[in-house]
PDB file of all heavy atoms in Angstrom:
ATOM      1  N   PRO A   1     -11.400 -17.787  10.735  1.00  0.00           N
ATOM      2  CA  PRO A   1     -11.635 -17.240   9.415  1.00  0.00           C
ATOM      3  C   PRO A   1     -10.739 -16.204   9.010  1.00  0.00           C
ATOM      4  O   PRO A   1     -10.643 -15.945   7.746  1.00  0.00           O
ATOM      5  CB  PRO A   1     -13.101 -16.653   9.613  1.00  0.00           C
ATOM      6  CG  PRO A   1     -13.566 -17.576  10.628  1.00  0.00           C
ATOM      7  CD  PRO A   1     -12.456 -18.030  11.639  1.00  0.00           C
ATOM      8  N   ASN A   2     -10.081 -15.476   9.860  1.00  0.00           N
ATOM      9  CA  ASN A   2      -9.217 -14.478   9.509  1.00  0.00           C
ATOM     10  C   ASN A   2      -7.723 -14.924   9.511  1.00  0.00           C
ATOM     11  O   ASN A   2      -6.811 -14.129   9.594  1.00  0.00           O
ATOM     12  CB  ASN A   2      -9.366 -13.200  10.508  1.00  0.00           C
ATOM     13  CG  ASN A   2      -8.964 -13.550  11.874  1.00  0.00           C
ATOM     14  OD1 ASN A   2      -9.101 -14.684  12.290  1.00  0.00           O
ATOM     15  ND2 ASN A   2      -8.645 -12.591  12.765  1.00  0.00           N
ATOM     16  N   GLY A   3      -7.592 -16.253   9.587  1.00  0.00           N
ATOM     17  CA  GLY A   3      -6.162 -16.788   9.757  1.00  0.00           C
ATOM     18  C   GLY A   3      -5.532 -17.101   8.582  1.00  0.00           C
ATOM     19  O   GLY A   3      -5.754 -16.726   7.383  1.00  0.00           O
ATOM     20  N   PHE A   4      -4.499 -18.104   8.670  1.00  0.00           N
ATOM     21  CA  PHE A   4      -3.535 -18.388   7.624  1.00  0.00           C
ATOM     22  C   PHE A   4      -3.231 -19.815   7.654  1.00  0.00           C
ATOM     23  O   PHE A   4      -3.013 -20.515   8.720  1.00  0.00           O
ATOM     24  CB  PHE A   4      -2.190 -17.599   7.825  1.00  0.00           C
ATOM     25  CG  PHE A   4      -2.512 -16.199   7.703  1.00  0.00           C
ATOM     26  CD1 PHE A   4      -2.708 -15.376   8.946  1.00  0.00           C
ATOM     27  CD2 PHE A   4      -2.240 -15.342   6.602  1.00  0.00           C
ATOM     28  CE1 PHE A   4      -2.955 -14.091   8.931  1.00  0.00           C
ATOM     29  CE2 PHE A   4      -2.447 -14.046   6.597  1.00  0.00           C
ATOM     30  CZ  PHE A   4      -2.716 -13.331   7.727  1.00  0.00           C
ATOM     31  N   LEU A   5      -3.037 -20.430   6.447  1.00  0.00           N
ATOM     32  CA  LEU A   5      -2.628 -21.784   6.294  1.00  0.00           C
ATOM     33  C   LEU A   5      -1.404 -21.706   5.396  1.00  0.00           C
ATOM     34  O   LEU A   5      -1.492 -21.196   4.275  1.00  0.00           O
ATOM     35  CB  LEU A   5      -3.705 -22.696   5.646  1.00  0.00           C
ATOM     36  CG  LEU A   5      -3.227 -24.122   5.299  1.00  0.00           C
ATOM     37  CD1 LEU A   5      -2.714 -24.882   6.444  1.00  0.00           C
ATOM     38  CD2 LEU A   5      -4.316 -24.790   4.469  1.00  0.00           C
ATOM     39  N   ILE A   6      -0.306 -22.325   5.752  1.00  0.00           N
ATOM     40  CA  ILE A   6       0.967 -22.477   5.017  1.00  0.00           C
ATOM     41  C   ILE A   6       1.183 -23.923   4.799  1.00  0.00           C
ATOM     42  O   ILE A   6       1.554 -24.574   5.729  1.00  0.00           O
ATOM     43  CB  ILE A   6       2.157 -21.854   5.710  1.00  0.00           C
ATOM     44  CG1 ILE A   6       1.822 -20.376   5.930  1.00  0.00           C
ATOM     45  CG2 ILE A   6       3.362 -21.914   4.851  1.00  0.00           C
ATOM     46  CD1 ILE A   6       1.685 -20.074   7.444  1.00  0.00           C
ATOM     47  N   ILE A   7       0.957 -24.447   3.621  1.00  0.00           N
ATOM     48  CA  ILE A   7       0.881 -25.906   3.350  1.00  0.00           C
ATOM     49  C   ILE A   7       2.081 -26.205   2.452  1.00  0.00           C
ATOM     50  O   ILE A   7       2.285 -25.518   1.368  1.00  0.00           O
ATOM     51  CB  ILE A   7      -0.507 -26.305   2.817  1.00  0.00           C
ATOM     52  CG1 ILE A   7      -0.453 -27.822   2.749  1.00  0.00           C
ATOM     53  CG2 ILE A   7      -0.901 -25.758   1.562  1.00  0.00           C
ATOM     54  CD1 ILE A   7      -1.889 -28.324   2.467  1.00  0.00           C
ATOM     55  N   HIS A   8       2.762 -27.323   2.700  1.00  0.00           N
ATOM     56  CA  HIS A   8       3.862 -27.689   1.867  1.00  0.00           C
ATOM     57  C   HIS A   8       3.208 -28.222   0.439  1.00  0.00           C
ATOM     58  O   HIS A   8       2.175 -28.789   0.442  1.00  0.00           O
ATOM     59  CB  HIS A   8       4.488 -29.050   2.573  1.00  0.00           C
ATOM     60  CG  HIS A   8       5.771 -29.401   1.985  1.00  0.00           C
ATOM     61  ND1 HIS A   8       6.045 -30.051   0.753  1.00  0.00           N
ATOM     62  CD2 HIS A   8       6.956 -29.226   2.491  1.00  0.00           C
ATOM     63  CE1 HIS A   8       7.184 -30.234   0.473  1.00  0.00           C
ATOM     64  NE2 HIS A   8       7.925 -29.691   1.440  1.00  0.00           N
ATOM     65  N   GLU A   9       3.934 -27.858  -0.496  1.00  0.00           N
ATOM     66  CA  GLU A   9       3.488 -28.150  -1.896  1.00  0.00           C
ATOM     67  C   GLU A   9       3.478 -29.786  -2.008  1.00  0.00           C
ATOM     68  O   GLU A   9       4.303 -30.431  -1.558  1.00  0.00           O
ATOM     69  CB  GLU A   9       4.475 -27.572  -2.951  1.00  0.00           C
ATOM     70  CG  GLU A   9       4.044 -26.185  -3.204  1.00  0.00           C
ATOM     71  CD  GLU A   9       4.919 -25.667  -4.393  1.00  0.00           C
ATOM     72  OE1 GLU A   9       5.888 -26.295  -4.814  1.00  0.00           O
ATOM     73  OE2 GLU A   9       4.406 -24.790  -5.053  1.00  0.00           O
ATOM     74  N   GLY A  10       2.635 -30.236  -2.901  1.00  0.00           N
ATOM     75  CA  GLY A  10       2.565 -31.627  -3.258  1.00  0.00           C
ATOM     76  C   GLY A  10       1.930 -32.488  -2.215  1.00  0.00           C
ATOM     77  O   GLY A  10       2.035 -33.715  -2.511  1.00  0.00           O
ATOM     78  N   LEU A  11       1.213 -32.123  -1.158  1.00  0.00           N
ATOM     79  CA  LEU A  11       0.731 -32.959  -0.238  1.00  0.00           C
ATOM     80  C   LEU A  11      -0.571 -33.631  -0.895  1.00  0.00           C
ATOM     81  O   LEU A  11      -1.343 -33.005  -1.620  1.00  0.00           O
ATOM     82  CB  LEU A  11       0.305 -32.346   1.057  1.00  0.00           C
ATOM     83  CG  LEU A  11       1.509 -31.683   1.737  1.00  0.00           C
ATOM     84  CD1 LEU A  11       0.942 -31.280   3.124  1.00  0.00           C
ATOM     85  CD2 LEU A  11       2.672 -32.575   1.929  1.00  0.00           C
ATOM     86  N   GLU A  12      -0.849 -34.926  -0.415  1.00  0.00           N
ATOM     87  CA  GLU A  12      -2.155 -35.582  -0.985  1.00  0.00           C
ATOM     88  C   GLU A  12      -3.399 -35.002  -0.453  1.00  0.00           C
ATOM     89  O   GLU A  12      -4.399 -34.958  -0.856  1.00  0.00           O
ATOM     90  CB  GLU A  12      -2.083 -37.056  -0.641  1.00  0.00           C
ATOM     91  CG  GLU A  12      -1.245 -37.857  -1.737  1.00  0.00           C
ATOM     92  CD  GLU A  12      -1.586 -39.432  -1.601  1.00  0.00           C
ATOM     93  OE1 GLU A  12      -2.633 -39.830  -1.950  1.00  0.00           O
ATOM     94  OE2 GLU A  12      -0.685 -40.055  -0.989  1.00  0.00           O
ATOM     95  N   MET A  13      -3.229 -34.601   0.829  1.00  0.00           N
ATOM     96  CA  MET A  13      -4.458 -33.952   1.506  1.00  0.00           C
ATOM     97  C   MET A  13      -4.921 -32.783   0.804  1.00  0.00           C
ATOM     98  O   MET A  13      -4.206 -31.963   0.253  1.00  0.00           O
ATOM     99  CB  MET A  13      -4.157 -33.632   2.888  1.00  0.00           C
ATOM    100  CG  MET A  13      -3.163 -32.437   3.087  1.00  0.00           C
ATOM    101  SD  MET A  13      -3.534 -31.238   4.279  1.00  0.00           S
ATOM    102  CE  MET A  13      -5.194 -30.898   4.423  1.00  0.00           C
ATOM    103  N   LYS A  14      -6.299 -32.589   0.940  1.00  0.00           N
ATOM    104  CA  LYS A  14      -6.866 -31.329   0.234  1.00  0.00           C
ATOM    105  C   LYS A  14      -7.355 -30.468   1.353  1.00  0.00           C
ATOM    106  O   LYS A  14      -8.359 -30.919   1.967  1.00  0.00           O
ATOM    107  CB  LYS A  14      -7.967 -31.684  -0.723  1.00  0.00           C
ATOM    108  CG  LYS A  14      -7.486 -32.661  -1.842  1.00  0.00           C
ATOM    109  CD  LYS A  14      -6.469 -32.081  -2.726  1.00  0.00           C
ATOM    110  CE  LYS A  14      -5.888 -33.077  -3.809  1.00  0.00           C
ATOM    111  NZ  LYS A  14      -4.598 -32.649  -4.477  1.00  0.00           N
ATOM    112  N   PRO A  15      -6.947 -29.346   1.563  1.00  0.00           N
ATOM    113  CA  PRO A  15      -7.322 -28.461   2.669  1.00  0.00           C
ATOM    114  C   PRO A  15      -8.708 -28.028   2.461  1.00  0.00           C
ATOM    115  O   PRO A  15      -9.241 -27.834   1.223  1.00  0.00           O
ATOM    116  CB  PRO A  15      -6.351 -27.274   2.650  1.00  0.00           C
ATOM    117  CG  PRO A  15      -5.755 -27.302   1.287  1.00  0.00           C
ATOM    118  CD  PRO A  15      -5.751 -28.673   0.787  1.00  0.00           C
ATOM    119  N   ASP A  16      -9.454 -27.745   3.424  1.00  0.00           N
ATOM    120  CA  ASP A  16     -10.892 -27.227   3.457  1.00  0.00           C
ATOM    121  C   ASP A  16     -11.070 -26.072   4.406  1.00  0.00           C
ATOM    122  O   ASP A  16     -11.646 -26.196   5.422  1.00  0.00           O
ATOM    123  CB  ASP A  16     -11.759 -28.381   3.785  1.00  0.00           C
ATOM    124  CG  ASP A  16     -13.268 -28.073   3.702  1.00  0.00           C
ATOM    125  OD1 ASP A  16     -13.530 -27.053   3.056  1.00  0.00           O
ATOM    126  OD2 ASP A  16     -14.032 -28.731   4.377  1.00  0.00           O
ATOM    127  N   VAL A  17     -10.456 -24.913   3.980  1.00  0.00           N
ATOM    128  CA  VAL A  17     -10.412 -23.728   4.997  1.00  0.00           C
ATOM    129  C   VAL A  17     -11.665 -22.955   4.865  1.00  0.00           C
ATOM    130  O   VAL A  17     -12.376 -22.999   3.945  1.00  0.00           O
ATOM    131  CB  VAL A  17      -9.219 -22.979   4.691  1.00  0.00           C
ATOM    132  CG1 VAL A  17      -7.841 -23.672   4.819  1.00  0.00           C
ATOM    133  CG2 VAL A  17      -9.253 -22.342   3.353  1.00  0.00           C
ATOM    134  N   GLN A  18     -11.887 -22.213   6.049  1.00  0.00           N
ATOM    135  CA  GLN A  18     -13.071 -21.459   6.153  1.00  0.00           C
ATOM    136  C   GLN A  18     -12.877 -20.200   5.259  1.00  0.00           C
ATOM    137  O   GLN A  18     -11.763 -19.859   4.834  1.00  0.00           O
ATOM    138  CB  GLN A  18     -13.324 -20.996   7.542  1.00  0.00           C
ATOM    139  CG  GLN A  18     -13.489 -22.216   8.454  1.00  0.00           C
ATOM    140  CD  GLN A  18     -13.931 -21.659   9.939  1.00  0.00           C
ATOM    141  OE1 GLN A  18     -14.871 -20.942  10.092  1.00  0.00           O
ATOM    142  NE2 GLN A  18     -13.002 -22.115  10.938  1.00  0.00           N
ATOM    143  N   GLU A  19     -13.931 -19.530   4.974  1.00  0.00           N
ATOM    144  CA  GLU A  19     -13.872 -18.243   4.178  1.00  0.00           C
ATOM    145  C   GLU A  19     -13.121 -17.357   4.913  1.00  0.00           C
ATOM    146  O   GLU A  19     -13.408 -17.092   6.100  1.00  0.00           O
ATOM    147  CB  GLU A  19     -15.284 -17.804   3.903  1.00  0.00           C
ATOM    148  CG  GLU A  19     -15.372 -16.621   3.038  1.00  0.00           C
ATOM    149  CD  GLU A  19     -16.824 -16.136   2.624  1.00  0.00           C
ATOM    150  OE1 GLU A  19     -17.704 -16.857   2.944  1.00  0.00           O
ATOM    151  OE2 GLU A  19     -16.911 -15.010   2.112  1.00  0.00           O
ATOM    152  N   GLY A  20     -12.163 -16.582   4.307  1.00  0.00           N
ATOM    153  CA  GLY A  20     -11.285 -15.502   4.885  1.00  0.00           C
ATOM    154  C   GLY A  20      -9.986 -16.024   5.219  1.00  0.00           C
ATOM    155  O   GLY A  20      -9.146 -15.226   5.753  1.00  0.00           O
ATOM    156  N   VAL A  21      -9.798 -17.370   5.254  1.00  0.00           N
ATOM    157  CA  VAL A  21      -8.369 -17.911   5.506  1.00  0.00           C
ATOM    158  C   VAL A  21      -7.403 -17.727   4.351  1.00  0.00           C
ATOM    159  O   VAL A  21      -7.875 -18.006   3.142  1.00  0.00           O
ATOM    160  CB  VAL A  21      -8.477 -19.405   5.924  1.00  0.00           C
ATOM    161  CG1 VAL A  21      -7.089 -19.907   6.024  1.00  0.00           C
ATOM    162  CG2 VAL A  21      -9.212 -19.496   7.168  1.00  0.00           C
ATOM    163  N   THR A  22      -6.359 -17.142   4.612  1.00  0.00           N
ATOM    164  CA  THR A  22      -5.422 -16.912   3.513  1.00  0.00           C
ATOM    165  C   THR A  22      -4.490 -18.151   3.539  1.00  0.00           C
ATOM    166  O   THR A  22      -3.900 -18.617   4.376  1.00  0.00           O
ATOM    167  CB  THR A  22      -4.434 -15.683   3.727  1.00  0.00           C
ATOM    168  OG1 THR A  22      -5.226 -14.503   3.800  1.00  0.00           O
ATOM    169  CG2 THR A  22      -3.431 -15.458   2.621  1.00  0.00           C
ATOM    170  N   THR A  23      -4.399 -18.735   2.130  1.00  0.00           N
ATOM    171  CA  THR A  23      -3.660 -19.938   2.027  1.00  0.00           C
ATOM    172  C   THR A  23      -2.302 -19.857   1.241  1.00  0.00           C
ATOM    173  O   THR A  23      -2.493 -19.141   0.099  1.00  0.00           O
ATOM    174  CB  THR A  23      -4.484 -21.098   1.404  1.00  0.00           C
ATOM    175  OG1 THR A  23      -5.575 -21.456   2.159  1.00  0.00           O
ATOM    176  CG2 THR A  23      -3.678 -22.324   1.151  1.00  0.00           C
ATOM    177  N   TYR A  24      -1.301 -20.230   1.697  1.00  0.00           N
ATOM    178  CA  TYR A  24      -0.003 -20.016   1.056  1.00  0.00           C
ATOM    179  C   TYR A  24       0.653 -21.481   0.937  1.00  0.00           C
ATOM    180  O   TYR A  24       0.348 -22.392   1.672  1.00  0.00           O
ATOM    181  CB  TYR A  24       1.079 -19.192   1.831  1.00  0.00           C
ATOM    182  CG  TYR A  24       0.671 -17.723   2.027  1.00  0.00           C
ATOM    183  CD1 TYR A  24       0.401 -17.313   3.384  1.00  0.00           C
ATOM    184  CD2 TYR A  24       0.811 -16.882   0.995  1.00  0.00           C
ATOM    185  CE1 TYR A  24       0.150 -15.749   3.468  1.00  0.00           C
ATOM    186  CE2 TYR A  24       0.535 -15.495   1.062  1.00  0.00           C
ATOM    187  CZ  TYR A  24       0.245 -15.056   2.354  1.00  0.00           C
ATOM    188  OH  TYR A  24      -0.148 -13.664   2.518  1.00  0.00           O
ATOM    189  N   THR A  25       1.528 -21.618  -0.176  1.00  0.00           N
ATOM    190  CA  THR A  25       2.342 -22.827  -0.138  1.00  0.00           C
ATOM    191  C   THR A  25       3.836 -22.533   0.093  1.00  0.00           C
ATOM    192  O   THR A  25       4.165 -21.420   0.065  1.00  0.00           O
ATOM    193  CB  THR A  25       2.267 -23.440  -1.658  1.00  0.00           C
ATOM    194  OG1 THR A  25       2.715 -22.464  -2.538  1.00  0.00           O
ATOM    195  CG2 THR A  25       0.780 -23.757  -1.881  1.00  0.00           C
ATOM    196  N   TYR A  26       4.435 -23.685   0.466  1.00  0.00           N
ATOM    197  CA  TYR A  26       5.873 -23.501   0.647  1.00  0.00           C
ATOM    198  C   TYR A  26       6.588 -24.852   0.315  1.00  0.00           C
ATOM    199  O   TYR A  26       5.975 -25.865   0.175  1.00  0.00           O
ATOM    200  CB  TYR A  26       6.255 -23.181   2.096  1.00  0.00           C
ATOM    201  CG  TYR A  26       6.288 -24.353   3.108  1.00  0.00           C
ATOM    202  CD1 TYR A  26       7.461 -24.825   3.561  1.00  0.00           C
ATOM    203  CD2 TYR A  26       5.061 -24.869   3.609  1.00  0.00           C
ATOM    204  CE1 TYR A  26       7.575 -25.862   4.519  1.00  0.00           C
ATOM    205  CE2 TYR A  26       5.141 -25.917   4.484  1.00  0.00           C
ATOM    206  CZ  TYR A  26       6.402 -26.375   4.969  1.00  0.00           C
ATOM    207  OH  TYR A  26       6.456 -27.480   5.908  1.00  0.00           O
ATOM    208  N   ASN A  27       7.926 -24.724  -0.018  1.00  0.00           N
ATOM    209  CA  ASN A  27       8.806 -25.798  -0.414  1.00  0.00           C
ATOM    210  C   ASN A  27      10.160 -25.334  -0.352  1.00  0.00           C
ATOM    211  O   ASN A  27      10.396 -24.097  -0.344  1.00  0.00           O
ATOM    212  CB  ASN A  27       8.393 -26.349  -1.784  1.00  0.00           C
ATOM    213  CG  ASN A  27       8.823 -27.823  -1.881  1.00  0.00           C
ATOM    214  OD1 ASN A  27       9.552 -28.293  -1.126  1.00  0.00           O
ATOM    215  ND2 ASN A  27       8.211 -28.522  -2.921  1.00  0.00           N
ATOM    216  N   ARG A  28      11.126 -26.183  -0.546  1.00  0.00           N
ATOM    217  CA  ARG A  28      12.564 -25.793  -0.592  1.00  0.00           C
ATOM    218  C   ARG A  28      12.723 -24.920  -1.751  1.00  0.00           C
ATOM    219  O   ARG A  28      13.380 -23.801  -1.789  1.00  0.00           O
ATOM    220  CB  ARG A  28      13.503 -26.967  -0.644  1.00  0.00           C
ATOM    221  CG  ARG A  28      14.920 -26.768  -0.847  1.00  0.00           C
ATOM    222  CD  ARG A  28      15.805 -27.843  -0.477  1.00  0.00           C
ATOM    223  NE  ARG A  28      17.063 -27.751  -0.873  1.00  0.00           N
ATOM    224  CZ  ARG A  28      18.200 -28.429  -0.408  1.00  0.00           C
ATOM    225  NH1 ARG A  28      17.970 -29.234   0.401  1.00  0.00           N
ATOM    226  NH2 ARG A  28      19.354 -28.189  -1.012  1.00  0.00           N
ATOM    227  N   ALA A  29      12.272 -25.342  -3.084  1.00  0.00           N
ATOM    228  CA  ALA A  29      12.539 -24.593  -4.248  1.00  0.00           C
ATOM    229  C   ALA A  29      11.483 -23.885  -4.908  1.00  0.00           C
ATOM    230  O   ALA A  29      11.658 -23.277  -5.933  1.00  0.00           O
ATOM    231  CB  ALA A  29      13.300 -25.647  -5.215  1.00  0.00           C
ATOM    232  N   SER A  30      10.284 -24.009  -4.541  1.00  0.00           N
ATOM    233  CA  SER A  30       9.153 -23.464  -5.039  1.00  0.00           C
ATOM    234  C   SER A  30       8.069 -23.152  -4.068  1.00  0.00           C
ATOM    235  O   SER A  30       8.098 -23.545  -2.901  1.00  0.00           O
ATOM    236  CB  SER A  30       8.570 -24.303  -6.150  1.00  0.00           C
ATOM    237  OG  SER A  30       8.237 -25.572  -5.669  1.00  0.00           O
ATOM    238  N   GLY A  31       6.928 -22.600  -4.583  1.00  0.00           N
ATOM    239  CA  GLY A  31       5.859 -22.211  -3.564  1.00  0.00           C
ATOM    240  C   GLY A  31       5.930 -20.658  -3.234  1.00  0.00           C
ATOM    241  O   GLY A  31       6.913 -20.018  -3.611  1.00  0.00           O
ATOM    242  N   ASP A  32       4.834 -20.144  -2.616  1.00  0.00           N
ATOM    243  CA  ASP A  32       4.795 -18.775  -2.217  1.00  0.00           C
ATOM    244  C   ASP A  32       6.040 -18.399  -1.310  1.00  0.00           C
ATOM    245  O   ASP A  32       6.710 -17.411  -1.361  1.00  0.00           O
ATOM    246  CB  ASP A  32       3.519 -18.459  -1.470  1.00  0.00           C
ATOM    247  CG  ASP A  32       2.324 -18.720  -2.251  1.00  0.00           C
ATOM    248  OD1 ASP A  32       2.357 -18.262  -3.496  1.00  0.00           O
ATOM    249  OD2 ASP A  32       1.438 -19.459  -1.851  1.00  0.00           O
ATOM    250  N   PHE A  33       6.384 -19.311  -0.413  1.00  0.00           N
ATOM    251  CA  PHE A  33       7.616 -19.238   0.421  1.00  0.00           C
ATOM    252  C   PHE A  33       8.610 -20.317   0.003  1.00  0.00           C
ATOM    253  O   PHE A  33       8.255 -21.479  -0.150  1.00  0.00           O
ATOM    254  CB  PHE A  33       7.215 -19.446   1.936  1.00  0.00           C
ATOM    255  CG  PHE A  33       6.288 -18.420   2.545  1.00  0.00           C
ATOM    256  CD1 PHE A  33       4.940 -18.713   2.538  1.00  0.00           C
ATOM    257  CD2 PHE A  33       6.753 -17.247   3.138  1.00  0.00           C
ATOM    258  CE1 PHE A  33       4.024 -17.858   3.093  1.00  0.00           C
ATOM    259  CE2 PHE A  33       5.789 -16.439   3.721  1.00  0.00           C
ATOM    260  CZ  PHE A  33       4.519 -16.666   3.794  1.00  0.00           C
ATOM    261  N   HIS A  34       9.730 -19.887  -0.406  1.00  0.00           N
ATOM    262  CA  HIS A  34      10.889 -20.876  -0.748  1.00  0.00           C
ATOM    263  C   HIS A  34      12.198 -20.251  -0.694  1.00  0.00           C
ATOM    264  O   HIS A  34      12.416 -19.050  -0.140  1.00  0.00           O
ATOM    265  CB  HIS A  34      10.552 -21.347  -2.297  1.00  0.00           C
ATOM    266  CG  HIS A  34      10.889 -20.403  -3.264  1.00  0.00           C
ATOM    267  ND1 HIS A  34       9.699 -19.514  -3.619  1.00  0.00           N
ATOM    268  CD2 HIS A  34      11.786 -19.989  -4.027  1.00  0.00           C
ATOM    269  CE1 HIS A  34      10.123 -18.671  -4.624  1.00  0.00           C
ATOM    270  NE2 HIS A  34      11.308 -18.917  -4.769  1.00  0.00           N
ATOM    271  N   ALA A  35      13.188 -21.070  -0.951  1.00  0.00           N
ATOM    272  CA  ALA A  35      14.556 -20.778  -0.796  1.00  0.00           C
ATOM    273  C   ALA A  35      15.270 -20.539  -2.202  1.00  0.00           C
ATOM    274  O   ALA A  35      14.870 -21.323  -3.078  1.00  0.00           O
ATOM    275  CB  ALA A  35      15.396 -21.708  -0.063  1.00  0.00           C
ATOM    276  N   GLU A  36      16.202 -19.602  -2.430  1.00  0.00           N
ATOM    277  CA  GLU A  36      16.994 -19.304  -3.534  1.00  0.00           C
ATOM    278  C   GLU A  36      18.300 -19.146  -3.062  1.00  0.00           C
ATOM    279  O   GLU A  36      18.626 -18.894  -1.926  1.00  0.00           O
ATOM    280  CB  GLU A  36      16.403 -18.237  -4.357  1.00  0.00           C
ATOM    281  CG  GLU A  36      14.989 -18.496  -4.977  1.00  0.00           C
ATOM    282  CD  GLU A  36      14.609 -17.321  -5.924  1.00  0.00           C
ATOM    283  OE1 GLU A  36      15.225 -16.387  -6.080  1.00  0.00           O
ATOM    284  OE2 GLU A  36      13.515 -17.459  -6.568  1.00  0.00           O
ATOM    285  N   ASN A  37      19.329 -19.400  -4.108  1.00  0.00           N
ATOM    286  CA  ASN A  37      20.630 -19.085  -3.817  1.00  0.00           C
ATOM    287  C   ASN A  37      21.252 -19.816  -2.626  1.00  0.00           C
ATOM    288  O   ASN A  37      21.821 -19.207  -1.791  1.00  0.00           O
ATOM    289  CB  ASN A  37      20.832 -17.553  -3.755  1.00  0.00           C
ATOM    290  CG  ASN A  37      22.452 -17.112  -3.723  1.00  0.00           C
ATOM    291  OD1 ASN A  37      23.162 -17.803  -4.286  1.00  0.00           O
ATOM    292  ND2 ASN A  37      22.674 -15.957  -3.138  1.00  0.00           N
ATOM    293  N   ILE A  38      20.973 -21.093  -2.689  1.00  0.00           N
ATOM    294  CA  ILE A  38      21.415 -21.996  -1.549  1.00  0.00           C
ATOM    295  C   ILE A  38      22.919 -22.253  -1.633  1.00  0.00           C
ATOM    296  O   ILE A  38      23.325 -22.676  -2.621  1.00  0.00           O
ATOM    297  CB  ILE A  38      20.617 -23.297  -1.571  1.00  0.00           C
ATOM    298  CG1 ILE A  38      19.112 -22.951  -1.382  1.00  0.00           C
ATOM    299  CG2 ILE A  38      21.012 -24.293  -0.371  1.00  0.00           C
ATOM    300  CD1 ILE A  38      18.184 -24.240  -1.495  1.00  0.00           C
ATOM    301  N   ARG A  39      23.510 -21.969  -0.520  1.00  0.00           N
ATOM    302  CA  ARG A  39      25.052 -22.144  -0.500  1.00  0.00           C
ATOM    303  C   ARG A  39      25.416 -23.172   0.671  1.00  0.00           C
ATOM    304  O   ARG A  39      24.988 -22.893   1.830  1.00  0.00           O
ATOM    305  CB  ARG A  39      25.816 -20.903  -0.269  1.00  0.00           C
ATOM    306  CG  ARG A  39      25.695 -20.016  -1.598  1.00  0.00           C
ATOM    307  CD  ARG A  39      25.681 -18.508  -1.124  1.00  0.00           C
ATOM    308  NE  ARG A  39      24.323 -18.160  -0.784  1.00  0.00           N
ATOM    309  CZ  ARG A  39      23.926 -17.053  -0.099  1.00  0.00           C
ATOM    310  NH1 ARG A  39      24.897 -16.124   0.195  1.00  0.00           N
ATOM    311  NH2 ARG A  39      22.656 -16.656   0.051  1.00  0.00           N
ATOM    312  N   ILE A  40      25.880 -24.339   0.411  1.00  0.00           N
ATOM    313  CA  ILE A  40      26.201 -25.337   1.351  1.00  0.00           C
ATOM    314  C   ILE A  40      27.799 -25.578   1.259  1.00  0.00           C
ATOM    315  O   ILE A  40      28.296 -26.009   0.141  1.00  0.00           O
ATOM    316  CB  ILE A  40      25.511 -26.594   1.019  1.00  0.00           C
ATOM    317  CG1 ILE A  40      23.934 -26.351   1.094  1.00  0.00           C
ATOM    318  CG2 ILE A  40      25.893 -27.675   2.153  1.00  0.00           C
ATOM    319  CD1 ILE A  40      23.066 -27.538   0.900  1.00  0.00           C
ATOM    320  N   GLY A  41      28.542 -25.416   2.359  1.00  0.00           N
ATOM    321  CA  GLY A  41      29.926 -25.595   2.341  1.00  0.00           C
ATOM    322  C   GLY A  41      30.624 -25.172   3.616  1.00  0.00           C
ATOM    323  O   GLY A  41      30.065 -24.199   4.185  1.00  0.00           O
ATOM    324  N   ASN A  42      31.636 -25.795   3.962  1.00  0.00           N
ATOM    325  CA  ASN A  42      32.433 -25.455   5.036  1.00  0.00           C
ATOM    326  C   ASN A  42      31.571 -25.390   6.398  1.00  0.00           C
ATOM    327  O   ASN A  42      31.705 -24.603   7.287  1.00  0.00           O
ATOM    328  CB  ASN A  42      33.018 -23.888   4.995  1.00  0.00           C
ATOM    329  CG  ASN A  42      33.943 -23.837   3.783  1.00  0.00           C
ATOM    330  OD1 ASN A  42      34.839 -24.723   3.599  1.00  0.00           O
ATOM    331  ND2 ASN A  42      33.882 -22.799   3.013  1.00  0.00           N
TER     332      ASN A  42
END
């Protein structure tokens, strides 16, 4: 109940967390946790 769920954005499953669980989303480009200013090279 005092825990955390970090779930990938866009999943078909619907979470069913207990009261008191903090839920966040994540993805490469969006969500509560995500990446910006990605640099790929060398």
